[in-house]
């Protein structure tokens, strides 16, 4: 077999092991996420983090476990969504340590955009470097299908699947490269939804059209 002209890493993250957090561990995650929300600049007045947060399936990459989150809150400017993630180190056989969290907000909501088929959030959590200046952004992606029948989500680069996960409780998490550099035209991630029969249901870019 000849050398691969695009030797990028694929399926770089551990698949979800624990699923969506709950109970006391979810409460610990909420503390970290709440602290990050308090540091968000320009947060509208009246915003409060609700007790119940929508957690997404965890994925592990780069020595850390990453758990995305989202929550709706009212403000003087109307309803908005708080979103972000909590990450931590999980020693083998030990308790989670070194919690870190990021948060932001948006007033662009799925219910106001009936043409959306996937509700997506993403954040760059690292960088991959290849040969001769080639590189890519390691990107955490989480979302919800907004159409019926979706059983799995994939991340694709130029038509090649680089990550995939089953959808759990109408939520999914992916970790894959995005925004490849050094291969001619930049290559960006597409997120796709699939039925249990392998029928493609939707495809969205991480970038607004």
C-alpha atoms as a PDB file:
ATOM      1  CA  UNK A   1       0.000   0.000   0.000  1.00  0.00           C
ATOM      2  CA  UNK A   2       1.365   3.426  -0.947  1.00  0.00           C
ATOM      3  CA  UNK A   3       1.890   6.150   1.698  1.00  0.00           C
ATOM      4  CA  UNK A   4      -1.204   8.094   2.685  1.00  0.00           C
ATOM      5  CA  UNK A   5      -1.077  11.615   1.194  1.00  0.00           C
ATOM      6  CA  UNK A   6      -3.055  12.933   4.177  1.00  0.00           C
ATOM      7  CA  UNK A   7      -1.784  11.062   7.282  1.00  0.00           C
ATOM      8  CA  UNK A   8      -4.061  12.709   9.815  1.00  0.00           C
ATOM      9  CA  UNK A   9      -5.137  11.048  13.085  1.00  0.00           C
ATOM     10  CA  UNK A  10      -8.602   9.499  13.119  1.00  0.00           C
ATOM     11  CA  UNK A  11     -10.729   8.354  16.069  1.00  0.00           C
ATOM     12  CA  UNK A  12      -8.375  10.073  18.492  1.00  0.00           C
ATOM     13  CA  UNK A  13     -10.672  10.089  21.542  1.00  0.00           C
ATOM     14  CA  UNK A  14     -11.808   7.274  23.802  1.00  0.00           C
ATOM     15  CA  UNK A  15     -15.417   6.368  23.217  1.00  0.00           C
ATOM     16  CA  UNK A  16     -17.849   7.292  25.983  1.00  0.00           C
ATOM     17  CA  UNK A  17     -17.605   4.926  28.946  1.00  0.00           C
ATOM     18  CA  UNK A  18     -19.960   6.433  31.527  1.00  0.00           C
ATOM     19  CA  UNK A  19     -22.573   8.181  29.393  1.00  0.00           C
ATOM     20  CA  UNK A  20     -24.428  11.221  30.685  1.00  0.00           C
ATOM     21  CA  UNK A  21     -23.427  12.231  34.252  1.00  0.00           C
ATOM     22  CA  UNK A  22     -25.949  12.078  37.071  1.00  0.00           C
ATOM     23  CA  UNK A  23     -26.224  12.150  40.849  1.00  0.00           C
ATOM     24  CA  UNK A  24     -23.431  13.440  43.069  1.00  0.00           C
ATOM     25  CA  UNK A  25     -20.895  13.515  40.276  1.00  0.00           C
ATOM     26  CA  UNK A  26     -23.189  15.730  38.195  1.00  0.00           C
ATOM     27  CA  UNK A  27     -23.435  18.039  41.218  1.00  0.00           C
ATOM     28  CA  UNK A  28     -19.621  18.232  41.354  1.00  0.00           C
ATOM     29  CA  UNK A  29     -19.512  19.083  37.671  1.00  0.00           C
ATOM     30  CA  UNK A  30     -22.161  21.751  38.195  1.00  0.00           C
ATOM     31  CA  UNK A  31     -19.965  23.489  40.784  1.00  0.00           C
ATOM     32  CA  UNK A  32     -17.142  23.762  38.278  1.00  0.00           C
ATOM     33  CA  UNK A  33     -19.438  24.925  35.477  1.00  0.00           C
ATOM     34  CA  UNK A  34     -21.154  27.480  37.732  1.00  0.00           C
ATOM     35  CA  UNK A  35     -17.779  28.974  38.633  1.00  0.00           C
ATOM     36  CA  UNK A  36     -16.946  29.323  34.946  1.00  0.00           C
ATOM     37  CA  UNK A  37     -20.316  30.963  34.248  1.00  0.00           C
ATOM     38  CA  UNK A  38     -19.634  33.574  36.927  1.00  0.00           C
ATOM     39  CA  UNK A  39     -16.526  34.652  35.008  1.00  0.00           C
ATOM     40  CA  UNK A  40     -18.299  35.170  31.670  1.00  0.00           C
ATOM     41  CA  UNK A  41     -17.960  38.783  30.589  1.00  0.00           C
ATOM     42  CA  UNK A  42     -20.991  40.735  29.373  1.00  0.00           C
ATOM     43  CA  UNK A  43     -23.425  38.195  30.767  1.00  0.00           C
ATOM     44  CA  UNK A  44     -26.861  39.873  30.735  1.00  0.00           C
ATOM     45  CA  UNK A  45     -28.406  40.860  34.053  1.00  0.00           C
ATOM     46  CA  UNK A  46     -30.665  38.350  35.749  1.00  0.00           C
ATOM     47  CA  UNK A  47     -28.986  35.223  34.395  1.00  0.00           C
ATOM     48  CA  UNK A  48     -28.865  32.351  36.864  1.00  0.00           C
ATOM     49  CA  UNK A  49     -27.608  28.846  36.263  1.00  0.00           C
ATOM     50  CA  UNK A  50     -30.494  26.391  36.819  1.00  0.00           C
ATOM     51  CA  UNK A  51     -30.104  23.437  39.140  1.00  0.00           C
ATOM     52  CA  UNK A  52     -30.580  20.977  36.292  1.00  0.00           C
ATOM     53  CA  UNK A  53     -27.958  21.129  33.560  1.00  0.00           C
ATOM     54  CA  UNK A  54     -28.027  19.165  30.331  1.00  0.00           C
ATOM     55  CA  UNK A  55     -24.814  17.135  30.379  1.00  0.00           C
ATOM     56  CA  UNK A  56     -23.540  15.357  27.298  1.00  0.00           C
ATOM     57  CA  UNK A  57     -21.692  12.033  27.012  1.00  0.00           C
ATOM     58  CA  UNK A  58     -18.067  12.224  28.091  1.00  0.00           C
ATOM     59  CA  UNK A  59     -15.088  11.694  25.794  1.00  0.00           C
ATOM     60  CA  UNK A  60     -11.453  11.325  26.843  1.00  0.00           C
ATOM     61  CA  UNK A  61      -8.554  12.865  24.916  1.00  0.00           C
ATOM     62  CA  UNK A  62      -5.152  14.305  25.754  1.00  0.00           C
ATOM     63  CA  UNK A  63      -5.077  12.879  29.259  1.00  0.00           C
ATOM     64  CA  UNK A  64      -8.357  14.528  30.260  1.00  0.00           C
ATOM     65  CA  UNK A  65     -12.037  13.617  30.268  1.00  0.00           C
ATOM     66  CA  UNK A  66     -14.268  16.219  28.611  1.00  0.00           C
ATOM     67  CA  UNK A  67     -17.967  16.638  29.459  1.00  0.00           C
ATOM     68  CA  UNK A  68     -19.952  19.290  27.549  1.00  0.00           C
ATOM     69  CA  UNK A  69     -22.908  21.103  29.095  1.00  0.00           C
ATOM     70  CA  UNK A  70     -25.758  23.439  28.218  1.00  0.00           C
ATOM     71  CA  UNK A  71     -28.509  25.126  30.210  1.00  0.00           C
ATOM     72  CA  UNK A  72     -31.294  27.589  29.470  1.00  0.00           C
ATOM     73  CA  UNK A  73     -31.715  30.699  31.598  1.00  0.00           C
ATOM     74  CA  UNK A  74     -33.875  33.794  31.529  1.00  0.00           C
ATOM     75  CA  UNK A  75     -32.446  37.298  31.557  1.00  0.00           C
ATOM     76  CA  UNK A  76     -33.612  40.884  31.175  1.00  0.00           C
ATOM     77  CA  UNK A  77     -32.937  40.435  27.467  1.00  0.00           C
ATOM     78  CA  UNK A  78     -34.910  37.196  27.127  1.00  0.00           C
ATOM     79  CA  UNK A  79     -34.027  33.509  27.115  1.00  0.00           C
ATOM     80  CA  UNK A  80     -30.452  32.510  26.434  1.00  0.00           C
ATOM     81  CA  UNK A  81     -28.331  29.374  26.543  1.00  0.00           C
ATOM     82  CA  UNK A  82     -25.289  28.899  28.741  1.00  0.00           C
ATOM     83  CA  UNK A  83     -22.893  26.376  27.235  1.00  0.00           C
ATOM     84  CA  UNK A  84     -19.394  25.038  27.740  1.00  0.00           C
ATOM     85  CA  UNK A  85     -17.623  22.046  29.208  1.00  0.00           C
ATOM     86  CA  UNK A  86     -15.967  20.629  32.301  1.00  0.00           C
ATOM     87  CA  UNK A  87     -12.798  18.544  32.057  1.00  0.00           C
ATOM     88  CA  UNK A  88     -10.759  16.621  34.596  1.00  0.00           C
ATOM     89  CA  UNK A  89      -7.999  14.057  35.006  1.00  0.00           C
ATOM     90  CA  UNK A  90      -9.085  10.497  35.805  1.00  0.00           C
ATOM     91  CA  UNK A  91      -6.230   8.454  37.320  1.00  0.00           C
ATOM     92  CA  UNK A  92      -6.584   4.674  36.862  1.00  0.00           C
ATOM     93  CA  UNK A  93      -8.499   3.387  39.855  1.00  0.00           C
ATOM     94  CA  UNK A  94      -8.536   6.847  41.457  1.00  0.00           C
ATOM     95  CA  UNK A  95     -10.860   9.783  41.940  1.00  0.00           C
ATOM     96  CA  UNK A  96     -11.182  12.592  39.361  1.00  0.00           C
ATOM     97  CA  UNK A  97      -8.811  15.535  39.950  1.00  0.00           C
ATOM     98  CA  UNK A  98      -7.779  18.844  38.390  1.00  0.00           C
ATOM     99  CA  UNK A  99     -11.251  20.037  37.367  1.00  0.00           C
ATOM    100  CA  UNK A 100     -11.379  22.871  34.825  1.00  0.00           C
ATOM    101  CA  UNK A 101     -14.333  24.479  33.084  1.00  0.00           C
ATOM    102  CA  UNK A 102     -15.207  26.997  30.391  1.00  0.00           C
ATOM    103  CA  UNK A 103     -18.510  28.732  29.743  1.00  0.00           C
ATOM    104  CA  UNK A 104     -20.120  31.186  27.358  1.00  0.00           C
ATOM    105  CA  UNK A 105     -23.636  32.147  26.322  1.00  0.00           C
ATOM    106  CA  UNK A 106     -25.741  32.727  23.220  1.00  0.00           C
ATOM    107  CA  UNK A 107     -29.180  34.083  22.416  1.00  0.00           C
ATOM    108  CA  UNK A 108     -29.262  32.234  19.083  1.00  0.00           C
ATOM    109  CA  UNK A 109     -31.552  29.335  19.951  1.00  0.00           C
ATOM    110  CA  UNK A 110     -32.711  26.272  18.049  1.00  0.00           C
ATOM    111  CA  UNK A 111     -36.397  27.079  18.509  1.00  0.00           C
ATOM    112  CA  UNK A 112     -35.877  30.362  16.679  1.00  0.00           C
ATOM    113  CA  UNK A 113     -34.285  28.590  13.708  1.00  0.00           C
ATOM    114  CA  UNK A 114     -36.748  26.012  12.350  1.00  0.00           C
ATOM    115  CA  UNK A 115     -34.445  25.224   9.412  1.00  0.00           C
ATOM    116  CA  UNK A 116     -31.781  23.743  11.709  1.00  0.00           C
ATOM    117  CA  UNK A 117     -31.458  19.956  11.698  1.00  0.00           C
ATOM    118  CA  UNK A 118     -28.685  19.780  14.306  1.00  0.00           C
ATOM    119  CA  UNK A 119     -28.091  22.066  17.296  1.00  0.00           C
ATOM    120  CA  UNK A 120     -24.289  22.263  17.599  1.00  0.00           C
ATOM    121  CA  UNK A 121     -21.663  23.725  19.916  1.00  0.00           C
ATOM    122  CA  UNK A 122     -17.903  23.339  19.658  1.00  0.00           C
ATOM    123  CA  UNK A 123     -14.625  24.380  21.241  1.00  0.00           C
ATOM    124  CA  UNK A 124     -11.001  23.863  20.253  1.00  0.00           C
ATOM    125  CA  UNK A 125      -9.280  21.868  23.008  1.00  0.00           C
ATOM    126  CA  UNK A 126      -5.895  21.203  21.424  1.00  0.00           C
ATOM    127  CA  UNK A 127      -3.786  21.192  18.301  1.00  0.00           C
ATOM    128  CA  UNK A 128      -2.321  18.485  16.119  1.00  0.00           C
ATOM    129  CA  UNK A 129       0.909  19.103  14.209  1.00  0.00           C
ATOM    130  CA  UNK A 130       1.963  17.062  11.226  1.00  0.00           C
ATOM    131  CA  UNK A 131       4.908  17.188   8.883  1.00  0.00           C
ATOM    132  CA  UNK A 132       6.055  20.305   7.008  1.00  0.00           C
ATOM    133  CA  UNK A 133       3.815  22.728   8.868  1.00  0.00           C
ATOM    134  CA  UNK A 134       0.619  20.731   8.409  1.00  0.00           C
ATOM    135  CA  UNK A 135      -1.741  21.051  11.348  1.00  0.00           C
ATOM    136  CA  UNK A 136      -5.308  20.892  12.587  1.00  0.00           C
ATOM    137  CA  UNK A 137      -7.476  21.988  15.513  1.00  0.00           C
ATOM    138  CA  UNK A 138      -8.527  19.223  17.908  1.00  0.00           C
ATOM    139  CA  UNK A 139     -12.166  20.147  18.411  1.00  0.00           C
ATOM    140  CA  UNK A 140     -14.768  19.059  20.952  1.00  0.00           C
ATOM    141  CA  UNK A 141     -18.241  19.042  19.383  1.00  0.00           C
ATOM    142  CA  UNK A 142     -21.534  18.422  21.146  1.00  0.00           C
ATOM    143  CA  UNK A 143     -25.083  18.665  19.974  1.00  0.00           C
ATOM    144  CA  UNK A 144     -28.627  17.433  19.608  1.00  0.00           C
ATOM    145  CA  UNK A 145     -30.500  16.107  16.602  1.00  0.00           C
ATOM    146  CA  UNK A 146     -33.491  18.259  15.734  1.00  0.00           C
ATOM    147  CA  UNK A 147     -35.018  15.637  13.456  1.00  0.00           C
ATOM    148  CA  UNK A 148     -36.483  12.244  14.257  1.00  0.00           C
ATOM    149  CA  UNK A 149     -34.747   8.913  13.771  1.00  0.00           C
ATOM    150  CA  UNK A 150     -31.125   9.887  14.375  1.00  0.00           C
ATOM    151  CA  UNK A 151     -29.150   7.061  16.012  1.00  0.00           C
ATOM    152  CA  UNK A 152     -25.527   8.083  15.468  1.00  0.00           C
ATOM    153  CA  UNK A 153     -23.401  11.135  14.716  1.00  0.00           C
ATOM    154  CA  UNK A 154     -20.162  11.311  12.783  1.00  0.00           C
ATOM    155  CA  UNK A 155     -17.448  13.880  12.181  1.00  0.00           C
ATOM    156  CA  UNK A 156     -16.123  13.935   8.617  1.00  0.00           C
ATOM    157  CA  UNK A 157     -13.221  15.616   6.863  1.00  0.00           C
ATOM    158  CA  UNK A 158     -13.508  15.782   3.095  1.00  0.00           C
ATOM    159  CA  UNK A 159     -15.911  12.829   3.116  1.00  0.00           C
ATOM    160  CA  UNK A 160     -13.811  10.645   5.437  1.00  0.00           C
ATOM    161  CA  UNK A 161     -15.188   9.674   8.849  1.00  0.00           C
ATOM    162  CA  UNK A 162     -12.768  10.669  11.641  1.00  0.00           C
ATOM    163  CA  UNK A 163     -15.028  10.126  14.676  1.00  0.00           C
ATOM    164  CA  UNK A 164     -18.415   8.628  15.470  1.00  0.00           C
ATOM    165  CA  UNK A 165     -20.679   8.072  18.483  1.00  0.00           C
ATOM    166  CA  UNK A 166     -24.127   6.715  19.179  1.00  0.00           C
ATOM    167  CA  UNK A 167     -26.714   9.303  20.194  1.00  0.00           C
ATOM    168  CA  UNK A 168     -27.750   8.964  23.853  1.00  0.00           C
ATOM    169  CA  UNK A 169     -30.836  10.698  25.252  1.00  0.00           C
ATOM    170  CA  UNK A 170     -30.894  12.889  22.137  1.00  0.00           C
ATOM    171  CA  UNK A 171     -27.313  14.094  22.768  1.00  0.00           C
ATOM    172  CA  UNK A 172     -23.897  13.299  21.315  1.00  0.00           C
ATOM    173  CA  UNK A 173     -20.256  14.285  21.743  1.00  0.00           C
ATOM    174  CA  UNK A 174     -17.462  14.094  19.165  1.00  0.00           C
ATOM    175  CA  UNK A 175     -13.720  14.839  19.247  1.00  0.00           C
ATOM    176  CA  UNK A 176     -11.934  15.232  15.926  1.00  0.00           C
ATOM    177  CA  UNK A 177      -9.657  17.423  13.860  1.00  0.00           C
ATOM    178  CA  UNK A 178     -11.048  20.510  12.186  1.00  0.00           C
ATOM    179  CA  UNK A 179      -9.612  23.251   9.963  1.00  0.00           C
ATOM    180  CA  UNK A 180      -6.747  21.284   8.441  1.00  0.00           C
ATOM    181  CA  UNK A 181      -3.817  23.402   7.288  1.00  0.00           C
ATOM    182  CA  UNK A 182      -1.089  22.653   4.775  1.00  0.00           C
ATOM    183  CA  UNK A 183      -3.063  20.363   2.464  1.00  0.00           C
ATOM    184  CA  UNK A 184      -3.945  22.947  -0.145  1.00  0.00           C
ATOM    185  CA  UNK A 185      -7.421  24.297   0.453  1.00  0.00           C
ATOM    186  CA  UNK A 186      -8.416  24.243   4.122  1.00  0.00           C
ATOM    187  CA  UNK A 187     -10.565  21.255   5.058  1.00  0.00           C
ATOM    188  CA  UNK A 188     -13.326  21.763   7.611  1.00  0.00           C
ATOM    189  CA  UNK A 189     -15.345  19.312   9.668  1.00  0.00           C
ATOM    190  CA  UNK A 190     -18.850  18.258   8.755  1.00  0.00           C
ATOM    191  CA  UNK A 191     -21.121  16.741  11.407  1.00  0.00           C
ATOM    192  CA  UNK A 192     -23.612  14.190  10.103  1.00  0.00           C
ATOM    193  CA  UNK A 193     -26.581  12.323  11.566  1.00  0.00           C
ATOM    194  CA  UNK A 194     -27.413   8.737  10.631  1.00  0.00           C
ATOM    195  CA  UNK A 195     -30.363   6.417  11.117  1.00  0.00           C
ATOM    196  CA  UNK A 196     -30.006   2.889  12.501  1.00  0.00           C
ATOM    197  CA  UNK A 197     -30.094   1.640   8.911  1.00  0.00           C
ATOM    198  CA  UNK A 198     -27.137   3.824   7.946  1.00  0.00           C
ATOM    199  CA  UNK A 199     -29.206   6.400   6.081  1.00  0.00           C
ATOM    200  CA  UNK A 200     -27.802   9.930   6.185  1.00  0.00           C
ATOM    201  CA  UNK A 201     -30.331  12.291   7.729  1.00  0.00           C
ATOM    202  CA  UNK A 202     -28.531  15.636   8.071  1.00  0.00           C
ATOM    203  CA  UNK A 203     -25.171  17.338   7.584  1.00  0.00           C
ATOM    204  CA  UNK A 204     -23.978  20.577   9.152  1.00  0.00           C
ATOM    205  CA  UNK A 205     -20.774  22.575   9.186  1.00  0.00           C
ATOM    206  CA  UNK A 206     -19.416  24.129  12.379  1.00  0.00           C
ATOM    207  CA  UNK A 207     -19.348  27.426  10.529  1.00  0.00           C
ATOM    208  CA  UNK A 208     -22.298  29.654   9.745  1.00  0.00           C
ATOM    209  CA  UNK A 209     -23.173  29.805   6.087  1.00  0.00           C
END
